[in-house]
Amino acid sequence: MTYVAADNRYESLRYRRCGRSGLLLPPLSLGLWHNFGGERPFETQRAIVRRAFDLGITHFDLANNYGPPYGSAEENFGRLLATDLRPYRDELVISTKAGYDMWPGPYGDHGSRKYLLASLDQSLGRMGLDYVDIFYSHRFDPDTPLEETMGALDAAVRSGKALYAGISSYSADRTREAARILAELGTPLLIHQPSYSMLNRWIEPDLLDTLGALGVGCIGFSPLAQGMLTDRYLDGIPEGSRASRSASLSPDLLSEEALAKIRSLNEIAQRRGQSLAQLALAWALRDPRVTSALVGASSVAQLETNVAALDRLELSPDELAEIDRYATDSGVNLWAASSRE
């Protein structure tokens, strides 16, 4: 059947301004890092994306190598655009990135102009798009002059293949430098995408202060700490979970110390009448400088549960103080190397 979006899709979410730009984003955005590759049923993906848009989620975040295999998430999203979302293209914010391993040889990785612009062309081809709304440098490359990497983002915007430029996992110092270079080129830095969760607070305070001062938006990825901040691991590692497959979540991270923190945070969530995941999302969005949080979903039910976190975002000073006792670094920042350069 032909998909028709829900008439009331804009009635429940309160959209947030991205820094000092003209762009508004939903408080939760859908990330296609996991569950949208070639190994997952297409109809499940389709149901999740349709439901997300019906709930007012207008931002869909991808990268060139999301899958597996590499590129398959963009290919599947391209199919969804062609079959369901094409009439709504101007209501969508679609982002993609380049910076990590994508194809063999020296030109399919890192931050060169050759890699970024070639990758963008490939991404547009896979999704069947003329442009993306946001194109990111996925990580800082210490071996490529930052002027070259930012120059590639500027070229992408000037060519009309991207509307905005973004960076991901850059330190505060590198963010200031990147913003300066882009400003001099005439293409403002729109947004920064760092990892951020109750177990990974590296963006406090330097990066958040930097983004606030620069007027750059912030969209936190992995706000559930690769699934650790859910009820999935309260009693150990279940069969079929991300940790059981070591898929971006090593079982070693689920130490007794980490599990004790998670269980204590879960108790706070239960007293609030929320799931642990809902508390984690409300916490990640507590700072007005955080424009949006990126969530994944393996089912429509999981997506709906995450979106229900928006029904109760308020956190009292006492709750925040109690959360701070347990919301401490747990070694889950897999992207630390980029942000330390």
C-alpha atoms as a PDB file:
ATOM      1  CA  MET A   1       0.000   0.000   0.000  1.00  0.00           C
ATOM      2  CA  THR A   2       1.118   3.554  -0.702  1.00  0.00           C
ATOM      3  CA  TYR A   3       2.498   5.189   2.441  1.00  0.00           C
ATOM      4  CA  VAL A   4       0.723   8.340   3.612  1.00  0.00           C
ATOM      5  CA  ALA A   5       2.313  10.121   6.558  1.00  0.00           C
ATOM      6  CA  ALA A   6       0.260  10.773   9.686  1.00  0.00           C
ATOM      7  CA  ASP A   7      -1.585  14.086   9.600  1.00  0.00           C
ATOM      8  CA  ASN A   8      -0.662  14.809  13.224  1.00  0.00           C
ATOM      9  CA  ARG A   9       3.075  14.149  12.874  1.00  0.00           C
ATOM     10  CA  TYR A  10       4.050  17.665  13.930  1.00  0.00           C
ATOM     11  CA  GLU A  11       1.751  18.006  16.913  1.00  0.00           C
ATOM     12  CA  SER A  12       3.716  16.325  19.718  1.00  0.00           C
ATOM     13  CA  LEU A  13       7.448  17.068  19.391  1.00  0.00           C
ATOM     14  CA  ARG A  14       9.023  20.390  20.334  1.00  0.00           C
ATOM     15  CA  TYR A  15      11.755  21.011  17.786  1.00  0.00           C
ATOM     16  CA  ARG A  16      15.044  22.555  18.891  1.00  0.00           C
ATOM     17  CA  ARG A  17      17.131  25.152  17.122  1.00  0.00           C
ATOM     18  CA  CYS A  18      20.527  23.897  15.962  1.00  0.00           C
ATOM     19  CA  GLY A  19      22.908  26.394  17.523  1.00  0.00           C
ATOM     20  CA  ARG A  20      22.316  29.845  16.068  1.00  0.00           C
ATOM     21  CA  SER A  21      21.308  28.510  12.652  1.00  0.00           C
ATOM     22  CA  GLY A  22      17.919  28.564  10.989  1.00  0.00           C
ATOM     23  CA  LEU A  23      17.621  24.760  11.207  1.00  0.00           C
ATOM     24  CA  LEU A  24      15.334  23.044  13.701  1.00  0.00           C
ATOM     25  CA  LEU A  25      15.830  19.383  14.624  1.00  0.00           C
ATOM     26  CA  PRO A  26      13.616  16.961  16.535  1.00  0.00           C
ATOM     27  CA  PRO A  27      14.822  16.233  20.080  1.00  0.00           C
ATOM     28  CA  LEU A  28      15.317  12.605  19.033  1.00  0.00           C
ATOM     29  CA  SER A  29      16.758  11.723  15.637  1.00  0.00           C
ATOM     30  CA  LEU A  30      16.911   8.249  14.110  1.00  0.00           C
ATOM     31  CA  GLY A  31      20.389   6.859  13.569  1.00  0.00           C
ATOM     32  CA  LEU A  32      20.872   4.046  11.064  1.00  0.00           C
ATOM     33  CA  TRP A  33      24.232   2.847  12.413  1.00  0.00           C
ATOM     34  CA  HIS A  34      22.794  -0.534  13.442  1.00  0.00           C
ATOM     35  CA  ASN A  35      19.756  -2.537  12.295  1.00  0.00           C
ATOM     36  CA  PHE A  36      19.520  -1.029   8.802  1.00  0.00           C
ATOM     37  CA  GLY A  37      22.139  -3.030   6.938  1.00  0.00           C
ATOM     38  CA  GLY A  38      21.792  -5.831   4.463  1.00  0.00           C
ATOM     39  CA  GLU A  39      21.461  -8.511   7.154  1.00  0.00           C
ATOM     40  CA  ARG A  40      18.208  -7.129   8.606  1.00  0.00           C
ATOM     41  CA  PRO A  41      14.725  -7.618   7.076  1.00  0.00           C
ATOM     42  CA  PHE A  42      13.862  -4.673   4.867  1.00  0.00           C
ATOM     43  CA  GLU A  43      10.216  -4.632   5.940  1.00  0.00           C
ATOM     44  CA  THR A  44      11.271  -4.214   9.579  1.00  0.00           C
ATOM     45  CA  GLN A  45      13.439  -1.259   8.607  1.00  0.00           C
ATOM     46  CA  ARG A  46      10.585   0.168   6.601  1.00  0.00           C
ATOM     47  CA  ALA A  47       8.162  -0.075   9.518  1.00  0.00           C
ATOM     48  CA  ILE A  48      10.634   1.683  11.866  1.00  0.00           C
ATOM     49  CA  VAL A  49      11.336   4.557   9.492  1.00  0.00           C
ATOM     50  CA  ARG A  50       7.662   5.060   8.668  1.00  0.00           C
ATOM     51  CA  ARG A  51       6.730   5.103  12.336  1.00  0.00           C
ATOM     52  CA  ALA A  52       9.563   7.489  13.150  1.00  0.00           C
ATOM     53  CA  PHE A  53       8.330  10.007  10.609  1.00  0.00           C
ATOM     54  CA  ASP A  54       4.721   9.579  11.773  1.00  0.00           C
ATOM     55  CA  LEU A  55       5.938  10.479  15.276  1.00  0.00           C
ATOM     56  CA  GLY A  56       7.579  13.676  14.027  1.00  0.00           C
ATOM     57  CA  ILE A  57      11.154  12.449  13.680  1.00  0.00           C
ATOM     58  CA  THR A  58      12.336  14.278  10.587  1.00  0.00           C
ATOM     59  CA  HIS A  59      16.092  13.681  10.894  1.00  0.00           C
ATOM     60  CA  PHE A  60      17.678  10.458   9.641  1.00  0.00           C
ATOM     61  CA  ASP A  61      21.406  10.040  10.227  1.00  0.00           C
ATOM     62  CA  LEU A  62      23.656   7.789   8.141  1.00  0.00           C
ATOM     63  CA  ALA A  63      27.300   7.304   7.190  1.00  0.00           C
ATOM     64  CA  ASN A  64      28.978   5.813   4.146  1.00  0.00           C
ATOM     65  CA  ASN A  65      30.025   2.594   5.897  1.00  0.00           C
ATOM     66  CA  TYR A  66      26.895   1.853   7.933  1.00  0.00           C
ATOM     67  CA  GLY A  67      25.732  -1.696   7.361  1.00  0.00           C
ATOM     68  CA  PRO A  68      26.947  -4.354   7.256  1.00  0.00           C
ATOM     69  CA  PRO A  69      28.045  -4.575   4.533  1.00  0.00           C
ATOM     70  CA  TYR A  70      29.413  -1.070   4.016  1.00  0.00           C
ATOM     71  CA  GLY A  71      26.966   1.132   2.165  1.00  0.00           C
ATOM     72  CA  SER A  72      23.941  -1.094   2.700  1.00  0.00           C
ATOM     73  CA  ALA A  73      22.225   1.227   5.194  1.00  0.00           C
ATOM     74  CA  GLU A  74      22.326   4.025   2.624  1.00  0.00           C
ATOM     75  CA  GLU A  75      21.094   1.645  -0.064  1.00  0.00           C
ATOM     76  CA  ASN A  76      18.180   0.533   2.098  1.00  0.00           C
ATOM     77  CA  PHE A  77      17.347   4.099   3.043  1.00  0.00           C
ATOM     78  CA  GLY A  78      17.422   4.956  -0.651  1.00  0.00           C
ATOM     79  CA  ARG A  79      14.836   2.237  -1.246  1.00  0.00           C
ATOM     80  CA  LEU A  80      12.683   3.714   1.510  1.00  0.00           C
ATOM     81  CA  LEU A  81      12.957   7.150  -0.035  1.00  0.00           C
ATOM     82  CA  ALA A  82      11.952   5.812  -3.416  1.00  0.00           C
ATOM     83  CA  THR A  83       8.973   3.824  -2.159  1.00  0.00           C
ATOM     84  CA  ASP A  84       7.702   5.838   0.812  1.00  0.00           C
ATOM     85  CA  LEU A  85       9.367   9.146   1.613  1.00  0.00           C
ATOM     86  CA  ARG A  86      10.067  10.784  -1.734  1.00  0.00           C
ATOM     87  CA  PRO A  87       6.962  13.032  -1.545  1.00  0.00           C
ATOM     88  CA  TYR A  88       8.216  14.261   1.842  1.00  0.00           C
ATOM     89  CA  ARG A  89      11.841  14.979   0.912  1.00  0.00           C
ATOM     90  CA  ASP A  90      11.569  18.665   1.793  1.00  0.00           C
ATOM     91  CA  GLU A  91      10.307  17.714   5.269  1.00  0.00           C
ATOM     92  CA  LEU A  92      13.380  15.563   5.974  1.00  0.00           C
ATOM     93  CA  VAL A  93      16.883  16.253   7.231  1.00  0.00           C
ATOM     94  CA  ILE A  94      19.171  13.530   5.865  1.00  0.00           C
ATOM     95  CA  SER A  95      22.792  13.395   6.932  1.00  0.00           C
ATOM     96  CA  THR A  96      25.764  11.260   6.015  1.00  0.00           C
ATOM     97  CA  LYS A  97      29.466  11.164   6.856  1.00  0.00           C
ATOM     98  CA  ALA A  98      32.899  10.102   5.663  1.00  0.00           C
ATOM     99  CA  GLY A  99      36.061   9.602   7.668  1.00  0.00           C
ATOM    100  CA  TYR A 100      36.349   5.933   8.555  1.00  0.00           C
ATOM    101  CA  ASP A 101      37.293   2.913   6.467  1.00  0.00           C
ATOM    102  CA  MET A 102      35.097   2.537   3.387  1.00  0.00           C
ATOM    103  CA  TRP A 103      37.013   1.036   0.439  1.00  0.00           C
ATOM    104  CA  PRO A 104      40.475  -0.478  -0.113  1.00  0.00           C
ATOM    105  CA  GLY A 105      43.583   1.559  -0.672  1.00  0.00           C
ATOM    106  CA  PRO A 106      44.825   4.939   0.558  1.00  0.00           C
ATOM    107  CA  TYR A 107      41.882   6.970  -0.773  1.00  0.00           C
ATOM    108  CA  GLY A 108      39.046   5.217   1.084  1.00  0.00           C
ATOM    109  CA  ASP A 109      39.695   6.369   4.640  1.00  0.00           C
ATOM    110  CA  HIS A 110      40.519   9.395   6.847  1.00  0.00           C
ATOM    111  CA  GLY A 111      40.105  13.071   5.896  1.00  0.00           C
ATOM    112  CA  SER A 112      41.492  13.900   2.465  1.00  0.00           C
ATOM    113  CA  ARG A 113      39.544  15.997  -0.013  1.00  0.00           C
ATOM    114  CA  LYS A 114      39.697  13.113  -2.476  1.00  0.00           C
ATOM    115  CA  TYR A 115      38.108  10.676  -0.030  1.00  0.00           C
ATOM    116  CA  LEU A 116      35.416  12.963   1.362  1.00  0.00           C
ATOM    117  CA  LEU A 117      34.122  14.245  -1.964  1.00  0.00           C
ATOM    118  CA  ALA A 118      34.283  10.852  -3.680  1.00  0.00           C
ATOM    119  CA  SER A 119      32.457   9.319  -0.731  1.00  0.00           C
ATOM    120  CA  LEU A 120      29.748  11.973  -0.849  1.00  0.00           C
ATOM    121  CA  ASP A 121      29.125  11.229  -4.523  1.00  0.00           C
ATOM    122  CA  GLN A 122      28.846   7.525  -3.715  1.00  0.00           C
ATOM    123  CA  SER A 123      26.454   8.200  -0.821  1.00  0.00           C
ATOM    124  CA  LEU A 124      24.208  10.313  -3.025  1.00  0.00           C
ATOM    125  CA  GLY A 125      24.173   7.537  -5.601  1.00  0.00           C
ATOM    126  CA  ARG A 126      23.231   4.878  -3.053  1.00  0.00           C
ATOM    127  CA  MET A 127      20.383   6.982  -1.659  1.00  0.00           C
ATOM    128  CA  GLY A 128      19.209   8.350  -5.003  1.00  0.00           C
ATOM    129  CA  LEU A 129      19.576  11.946  -3.817  1.00  0.00           C
ATOM    130  CA  ASP A 130      20.781  15.156  -5.418  1.00  0.00           C
ATOM    131  CA  TYR A 131      21.956  16.462  -2.042  1.00  0.00           C
ATOM    132  CA  VAL A 132      22.127  15.636   1.653  1.00  0.00           C
ATOM    133  CA  ASP A 133      21.151  18.162   4.270  1.00  0.00           C
ATOM    134  CA  ILE A 134      24.256  17.664   6.440  1.00  0.00           C
ATOM    135  CA  PHE A 135      27.619  16.233   5.402  1.00  0.00           C
ATOM    136  CA  TYR A 136      30.040  15.415   8.203  1.00  0.00           C
ATOM    137  CA  SER A 137      33.726  14.850   8.610  1.00  0.00           C
ATOM    138  CA  HIS A 138      33.256  11.666  10.645  1.00  0.00           C
ATOM    139  CA  ARG A 139      36.492  12.041  12.615  1.00  0.00           C
ATOM    140  CA  PHE A 140      39.519  14.277  12.918  1.00  0.00           C
ATOM    141  CA  ASP A 141      42.485  13.124  10.813  1.00  0.00           C
ATOM    142  CA  PRO A 142      45.816  14.276  12.304  1.00  0.00           C
ATOM    143  CA  ASP A 143      47.668  13.389   9.092  1.00  0.00           C
ATOM    144  CA  THR A 144      45.603  15.636   6.816  1.00  0.00           C
ATOM    145  CA  PRO A 145      45.709  19.438   7.145  1.00  0.00           C
ATOM    146  CA  LEU A 146      42.475  20.567   8.725  1.00  0.00           C
ATOM    147  CA  GLU A 147      42.266  23.217   5.995  1.00  0.00           C
ATOM    148  CA  GLU A 148      41.972  20.411   3.435  1.00  0.00           C
ATOM    149  CA  THR A 149      39.254  18.523   5.309  1.00  0.00           C
ATOM    150  CA  MET A 150      37.238  21.666   5.983  1.00  0.00           C
ATOM    151  CA  GLY A 151      37.835  22.795   2.405  1.00  0.00           C
ATOM    152  CA  ALA A 152      36.190  19.565   1.239  1.00  0.00           C
ATOM    153  CA  LEU A 153      33.131  20.288   3.399  1.00  0.00           C
ATOM    154  CA  ASP A 154      33.003  23.808   2.004  1.00  0.00           C
ATOM    155  CA  ALA A 155      33.229  22.427  -1.550  1.00  0.00           C
ATOM    156  CA  ALA A 156      30.393  19.992  -0.823  1.00  0.00           C
ATOM    157  CA  VAL A 157      28.152  22.854   0.290  1.00  0.00           C
ATOM    158  CA  ARG A 158      29.155  25.177  -2.552  1.00  0.00           C
ATOM    159  CA  SER A 159      28.495  22.438  -5.108  1.00  0.00           C
ATOM    160  CA  GLY A 160      24.950  22.018  -3.801  1.00  0.00           C
ATOM    161  CA  LYS A 161      25.583  18.408  -2.795  1.00  0.00           C
ATOM    162  CA  ALA A 162      25.158  19.304   0.896  1.00  0.00           C
ATOM    163  CA  LEU A 163      23.268  22.132   2.566  1.00  0.00           C
ATOM    164  CA  TYR A 164      25.258  22.224   5.803  1.00  0.00           C
ATOM    165  CA  ALA A 165      28.659  21.131   7.138  1.00  0.00           C
ATOM    166  CA  GLY A 166      29.229  19.115  10.303  1.00  0.00           C
ATOM    167  CA  ILE A 167      31.996  17.413  12.246  1.00  0.00           C
ATOM    168  CA  SER A 168      32.003  14.424  14.576  1.00  0.00           C
ATOM    169  CA  SER A 169      34.251  13.421  17.506  1.00  0.00           C
ATOM    170  CA  TYR A 170      36.463  16.519  17.308  1.00  0.00           C
ATOM    171  CA  SER A 171      38.037  17.932  20.470  1.00  0.00           C
ATOM    172  CA  ALA A 172      37.091  21.400  21.676  1.00  0.00           C
ATOM    173  CA  ASP A 173      40.347  22.875  20.332  1.00  0.00           C
ATOM    174  CA  ARG A 174      39.952  21.231  16.928  1.00  0.00           C
ATOM    175  CA  THR A 175      36.311  22.299  16.830  1.00  0.00           C
ATOM    176  CA  ARG A 176      37.287  25.938  17.317  1.00  0.00           C
ATOM    177  CA  GLU A 177      39.899  25.586  14.586  1.00  0.00           C
ATOM    178  CA  ALA A 178      37.478  23.880  12.207  1.00  0.00           C
ATOM    179  CA  ALA A 179      34.819  26.538  12.823  1.00  0.00           C
ATOM    180  CA  ARG A 180      37.341  29.303  12.149  1.00  0.00           C
ATOM    181  CA  ILE A 181      38.481  27.766   8.867  1.00  0.00           C
ATOM    182  CA  LEU A 182      34.928  27.201   7.671  1.00  0.00           C
ATOM    183  CA  ALA A 183      33.916  30.736   8.637  1.00  0.00           C
ATOM    184  CA  GLU A 184      36.787  32.139   6.625  1.00  0.00           C
ATOM    185  CA  LEU A 185      35.658  30.047   3.661  1.00  0.00           C
ATOM    186  CA  GLY A 186      32.107  31.344   4.055  1.00  0.00           C
ATOM    187  CA  THR A 187      30.467  28.069   5.106  1.00  0.00           C
ATOM    188  CA  PRO A 188      29.455  28.097   8.788  1.00  0.00           C
ATOM    189  CA  LEU A 189      29.905  25.015  10.920  1.00  0.00           C
ATOM    190  CA  LEU A 190      26.363  23.885  11.668  1.00  0.00           C
ATOM    191  CA  ILE A 191      26.699  20.977  14.060  1.00  0.00           C
ATOM    192  CA  HIS A 192      28.984  18.689  16.021  1.00  0.00           C
ATOM    193  CA  GLN A 193      28.129  15.019  16.609  1.00  0.00           C
ATOM    194  CA  PRO A 194      29.929  13.631  19.686  1.00  0.00           C
ATOM    195  CA  SER A 195      29.299  10.487  21.686  1.00  0.00           C
ATOM    196  CA  TYR A 196      27.501  11.410  24.909  1.00  0.00           C
ATOM    197  CA  SER A 197      25.795   9.464  27.652  1.00  0.00           C
ATOM    198  CA  MET A 198      25.596   9.104  31.418  1.00  0.00           C
ATOM    199  CA  LEU A 199      28.572   6.734  31.186  1.00  0.00           C
ATOM    200  CA  ASN A 200      30.530   8.917  28.741  1.00  0.00           C
ATOM    201  CA  ARG A 201      30.525  12.605  29.678  1.00  0.00           C
ATOM    202  CA  TRP A 202      33.659  13.729  27.855  1.00  0.00           C
ATOM    203  CA  ILE A 203      31.975  16.721  26.236  1.00  0.00           C
ATOM    204  CA  GLU A 204      31.506  18.364  29.638  1.00  0.00           C
ATOM    205  CA  PRO A 205      32.475  21.100  30.070  1.00  0.00           C
ATOM    206  CA  ASP A 206      34.959  22.144  27.362  1.00  0.00           C
ATOM    207  CA  LEU A 207      33.233  20.993  24.184  1.00  0.00           C
ATOM    208  CA  LEU A 208      29.721  22.028  25.207  1.00  0.00           C
ATOM    209  CA  ASP A 209      31.014  25.434  26.277  1.00  0.00           C
ATOM    210  CA  THR A 210      32.826  25.755  22.951  1.00  0.00           C
ATOM    211  CA  LEU A 211      29.738  24.844  20.937  1.00  0.00           C
ATOM    212  CA  GLY A 212      27.609  27.255  22.937  1.00  0.00           C
ATOM    213  CA  ALA A 213      30.066  30.095  22.390  1.00  0.00           C
ATOM    214  CA  LEU A 214      30.356  29.354  18.662  1.00  0.00           C
ATOM    215  CA  GLY A 215      26.626  28.951  18.143  1.00  0.00           C
ATOM    216  CA  VAL A 216      27.114  25.410  16.822  1.00  0.00           C
ATOM    217  CA  GLY A 217      24.526  22.711  17.425  1.00  0.00           C
ATOM    218  CA  CYS A 218      25.227  19.449  19.234  1.00  0.00           C
ATOM    219  CA  ILE A 219      23.686  16.067  18.451  1.00  0.00           C
ATOM    220  CA  GLY A 220      24.790  13.344  20.840  1.00  0.00           C
ATOM    221  CA  PHE A 221      25.189   9.814  19.534  1.00  0.00           C
ATOM    222  CA  SER A 222      25.114   6.618  21.582  1.00  0.00           C
ATOM    223  CA  PRO A 223      23.107   8.229  24.421  1.00  0.00           C
ATOM    224  CA  LEU A 224      22.292   4.718  25.641  1.00  0.00           C
ATOM    225  CA  ALA A 225      26.000   3.785  25.738  1.00  0.00           C
ATOM    226  CA  GLN A 226      25.723   1.136  23.017  1.00  0.00           C
ATOM    227  CA  GLY A 227      22.779  -0.389  24.879  1.00  0.00           C
ATOM    228  CA  MET A 228      24.312  -0.488  28.346  1.00  0.00           C
ATOM    229  CA  LEU A 229      21.790   2.099  29.579  1.00  0.00           C
ATOM    230  CA  THR A 230      18.806  -0.152  28.971  1.00  0.00           C
ATOM    231  CA  ASP A 231      17.239  -2.948  30.996  1.00  0.00           C
ATOM    232  CA  ARG A 232      18.868  -5.518  28.701  1.00  0.00           C
ATOM    233  CA  TYR A 233      21.959  -6.090  30.826  1.00  0.00           C
ATOM    234  CA  LEU A 234      20.621  -5.681  34.359  1.00  0.00           C
ATOM    235  CA  ASP A 235      20.852  -9.446  34.941  1.00  0.00           C
ATOM    236  CA  GLY A 236      23.842 -10.241  32.729  1.00  0.00           C
ATOM    237  CA  ILE A 237      24.452 -10.621  29.009  1.00  0.00           C
ATOM    238  CA  PRO A 238      21.500 -12.209  27.205  1.00  0.00           C
ATOM    239  CA  GLU A 239      21.939 -14.377  24.133  1.00  0.00           C
ATOM    240  CA  GLY A 240      21.654 -12.423  20.886  1.00  0.00           C
ATOM    241  CA  SER A 241      22.382  -9.032  22.478  1.00  0.00           C
ATOM    242  CA  ARG A 242      24.966  -6.642  21.075  1.00  0.00           C
ATOM    243  CA  ALA A 243      27.402  -7.543  23.868  1.00  0.00           C
ATOM    244  CA  SER A 244      26.993 -11.271  23.204  1.00  0.00           C
ATOM    245  CA  ARG A 245      28.125 -10.636  19.622  1.00  0.00           C
ATOM    246  CA  SER A 246      30.818  -8.110  20.653  1.00  0.00           C
ATOM    247  CA  ALA A 247      29.227  -5.770  18.095  1.00  0.00           C
ATOM    248  CA  SER A 248      30.536  -2.343  19.205  1.00  0.00           C
ATOM    249  CA  LEU A 249      29.961  -3.389  22.823  1.00  0.00           C
ATOM    250  CA  SER A 250      32.634  -5.555  24.380  1.00  0.00           C
ATOM    251  CA  PRO A 251      31.437  -7.843  27.194  1.00  0.00           C
ATOM    252  CA  ASP A 252      34.439  -6.536  29.144  1.00  0.00           C
ATOM    253  CA  LEU A 253      32.662  -3.175  29.498  1.00  0.00           C
ATOM    254  CA  LEU A 254      29.894  -4.841  31.497  1.00  0.00           C
ATOM    255  CA  SER A 255      32.035  -5.165  34.609  1.00  0.00           C
ATOM    256  CA  GLU A 256      30.510  -5.525  38.059  1.00  0.00           C
ATOM    257  CA  GLU A 257      31.419  -1.901  38.738  1.00  0.00           C
ATOM    258  CA  ALA A 258      29.618  -0.740  35.598  1.00  0.00           C
ATOM    259  CA  LEU A 259      26.619  -2.968  36.270  1.00  0.00           C
ATOM    260  CA  ALA A 260      26.337  -1.578  39.803  1.00  0.00           C
ATOM    261  CA  LYS A 261      26.101   1.952  38.354  1.00  0.00           C
ATOM    262  CA  ILE A 262      23.559   0.846  35.767  1.00  0.00           C
ATOM    263  CA  ARG A 263      21.375  -0.863  38.369  1.00  0.00           C
ATOM    264  CA  SER A 264      21.455   2.227  40.594  1.00  0.00           C
ATOM    265  CA  LEU A 265      20.461   4.429  37.661  1.00  0.00           C
ATOM    266  CA  ASN A 266      17.692   1.970  36.846  1.00  0.00           C
ATOM    267  CA  GLU A 267      16.330   2.383  40.382  1.00  0.00           C
ATOM    268  CA  ILE A 268      16.149   6.146  39.847  1.00  0.00           C
ATOM    269  CA  ALA A 269      14.324   5.590  36.566  1.00  0.00           C
ATOM    270  CA  GLN A 270      11.821   3.244  38.171  1.00  0.00           C
ATOM    271  CA  ARG A 271      11.019   5.781  40.888  1.00  0.00           C
ATOM    272  CA  ARG A 272      10.292   8.270  38.086  1.00  0.00           C
ATOM    273  CA  GLY A 273       8.029   5.802  36.319  1.00  0.00           C
ATOM    274  CA  GLN A 274      10.442   5.505  33.393  1.00  0.00           C
ATOM    275  CA  SER A 275      12.626   2.844  31.875  1.00  0.00           C
ATOM    276  CA  LEU A 276      16.378   3.238  32.229  1.00  0.00           C
ATOM    277  CA  ALA A 277      16.619   4.098  28.518  1.00  0.00           C
ATOM    278  CA  GLN A 278      14.002   6.835  28.909  1.00  0.00           C
ATOM    279  CA  LEU A 279      15.870   8.324  31.865  1.00  0.00           C
ATOM    280  CA  ALA A 280      19.134   8.215  29.898  1.00  0.00           C
ATOM    281  CA  LEU A 281      17.555  10.099  26.997  1.00  0.00           C
ATOM    282  CA  ALA A 282      15.930  12.694  29.247  1.00  0.00           C
ATOM    283  CA  TRP A 283      19.292  13.235  30.945  1.00  0.00           C
ATOM    284  CA  ALA A 284      21.144  13.590  27.622  1.00  0.00           C
ATOM    285  CA  LEU A 285      18.678  16.276  26.540  1.00  0.00           C
ATOM    286  CA  ARG A 286      18.725  18.235  29.800  1.00  0.00           C
ATOM    287  CA  ASP A 287      21.252  20.794  28.509  1.00  0.00           C
ATOM    288  CA  PRO A 288      19.725  23.289  26.034  1.00  0.00           C
ATOM    289  CA  ARG A 289      22.967  23.266  24.047  1.00  0.00           C
ATOM    290  CA  VAL A 290      22.204  19.649  23.060  1.00  0.00           C
ATOM    291  CA  THR A 291      19.983  20.006  20.018  1.00  0.00           C
ATOM    292  CA  SER A 292      19.098  16.342  19.573  1.00  0.00           C
ATOM    293  CA  ALA A 293      20.010  12.833  20.660  1.00  0.00           C
ATOM    294  CA  LEU A 294      20.520  10.056  18.135  1.00  0.00           C
ATOM    295  CA  VAL A 295      18.690   6.827  18.863  1.00  0.00           C
ATOM    296  CA  GLY A 296      18.689   3.554  17.007  1.00  0.00           C
ATOM    297  CA  ALA A 297      15.888   1.019  16.962  1.00  0.00           C
ATOM    298  CA  SER A 298      15.561  -2.654  16.151  1.00  0.00           C
ATOM    299  CA  SER A 299      11.759  -2.593  16.295  1.00  0.00           C
ATOM    300  CA  VAL A 300       8.832  -0.199  16.200  1.00  0.00           C
ATOM    301  CA  ALA A 301       8.128  -0.972  19.853  1.00  0.00           C
ATOM    302  CA  GLN A 302      11.662   0.032  20.862  1.00  0.00           C
ATOM    303  CA  LEU A 303      11.371   3.255  18.881  1.00  0.00           C
ATOM    304  CA  GLU A 304       8.058   4.123  20.542  1.00  0.00           C
ATOM    305  CA  THR A 305       9.519   3.443  23.985  1.00  0.00           C
ATOM    306  CA  ASN A 306      12.412   5.791  23.275  1.00  0.00           C
ATOM    307  CA  VAL A 307      10.148   8.546  21.975  1.00  0.00           C
ATOM    308  CA  ALA A 308       8.012   8.222  25.105  1.00  0.00           C
ATOM    309  CA  ALA A 309      11.017   9.578  27.029  1.00  0.00           C
ATOM    310  CA  LEU A 310      10.006  12.997  25.692  1.00  0.00           C
ATOM    311  CA  ASP A 311       6.842  12.883  27.783  1.00  0.00           C
ATOM    312  CA  ARG A 312       8.921  13.470  30.891  1.00  0.00           C
ATOM    313  CA  LEU A 313      12.138  15.385  30.366  1.00  0.00           C
ATOM    314  CA  GLU A 314      12.141  17.383  33.603  1.00  0.00           C
ATOM    315  CA  LEU A 315      14.802  16.385  36.128  1.00  0.00           C
ATOM    316  CA  SER A 316      14.845  17.983  39.571  1.00  0.00           C
ATOM    317  CA  PRO A 317      18.073  19.215  41.154  1.00  0.00           C
ATOM    318  CA  ASP A 318      17.876  16.346  43.655  1.00  0.00           C
ATOM    319  CA  GLU A 319      17.468  13.800  40.873  1.00  0.00           C
ATOM    320  CA  LEU A 320      20.387  15.272  38.950  1.00  0.00           C
ATOM    321  CA  ALA A 321      22.557  15.162  42.049  1.00  0.00           C
ATOM    322  CA  GLU A 322      21.690  11.519  42.659  1.00  0.00           C
ATOM    323  CA  ILE A 323      22.325  10.651  39.024  1.00  0.00           C
ATOM    324  CA  ASP A 324      25.743  12.296  39.241  1.00  0.00           C
ATOM    325  CA  ARG A 325      26.771   9.745  41.877  1.00  0.00           C
ATOM    326  CA  TYR A 326      26.482   6.945  39.332  1.00  0.00           C
ATOM    327  CA  ALA A 327      26.794   8.712  35.970  1.00  0.00           C
ATOM    328  CA  THR A 328      30.569   8.496  35.739  1.00  0.00           C
ATOM    329  CA  ASP A 329      33.007   7.451  33.058  1.00  0.00           C
ATOM    330  CA  SER A 330      32.870   3.741  32.305  1.00  0.00           C
ATOM    331  CA  GLY A 331      35.340   3.417  29.451  1.00  0.00           C
ATOM    332  CA  VAL A 332      32.680   3.226  26.745  1.00  0.00           C
ATOM    333  CA  ASN A 333      34.000   6.038  24.517  1.00  0.00           C
ATOM    334  CA  LEU A 334      35.165   4.032  21.502  1.00  0.00           C
ATOM    335  CA  TRP A 335      35.842   7.272  19.646  1.00  0.00           C
ATOM    336  CA  ALA A 336      38.194   8.847  22.192  1.00  0.00           C
ATOM    337  CA  ALA A 337      41.243   8.689  19.925  1.00  0.00           C
ATOM    338  CA  SER A 338      39.710  11.133  17.447  1.00  0.00           C
ATOM    339  CA  SER A 339      38.678  13.614  20.115  1.00  0.00           C
ATOM    340  CA  ARG A 340      42.091  13.537  21.817  1.00  0.00           C
ATOM    341  CA  GLU A 341      44.061  14.550  18.727  1.00  0.00           C
END
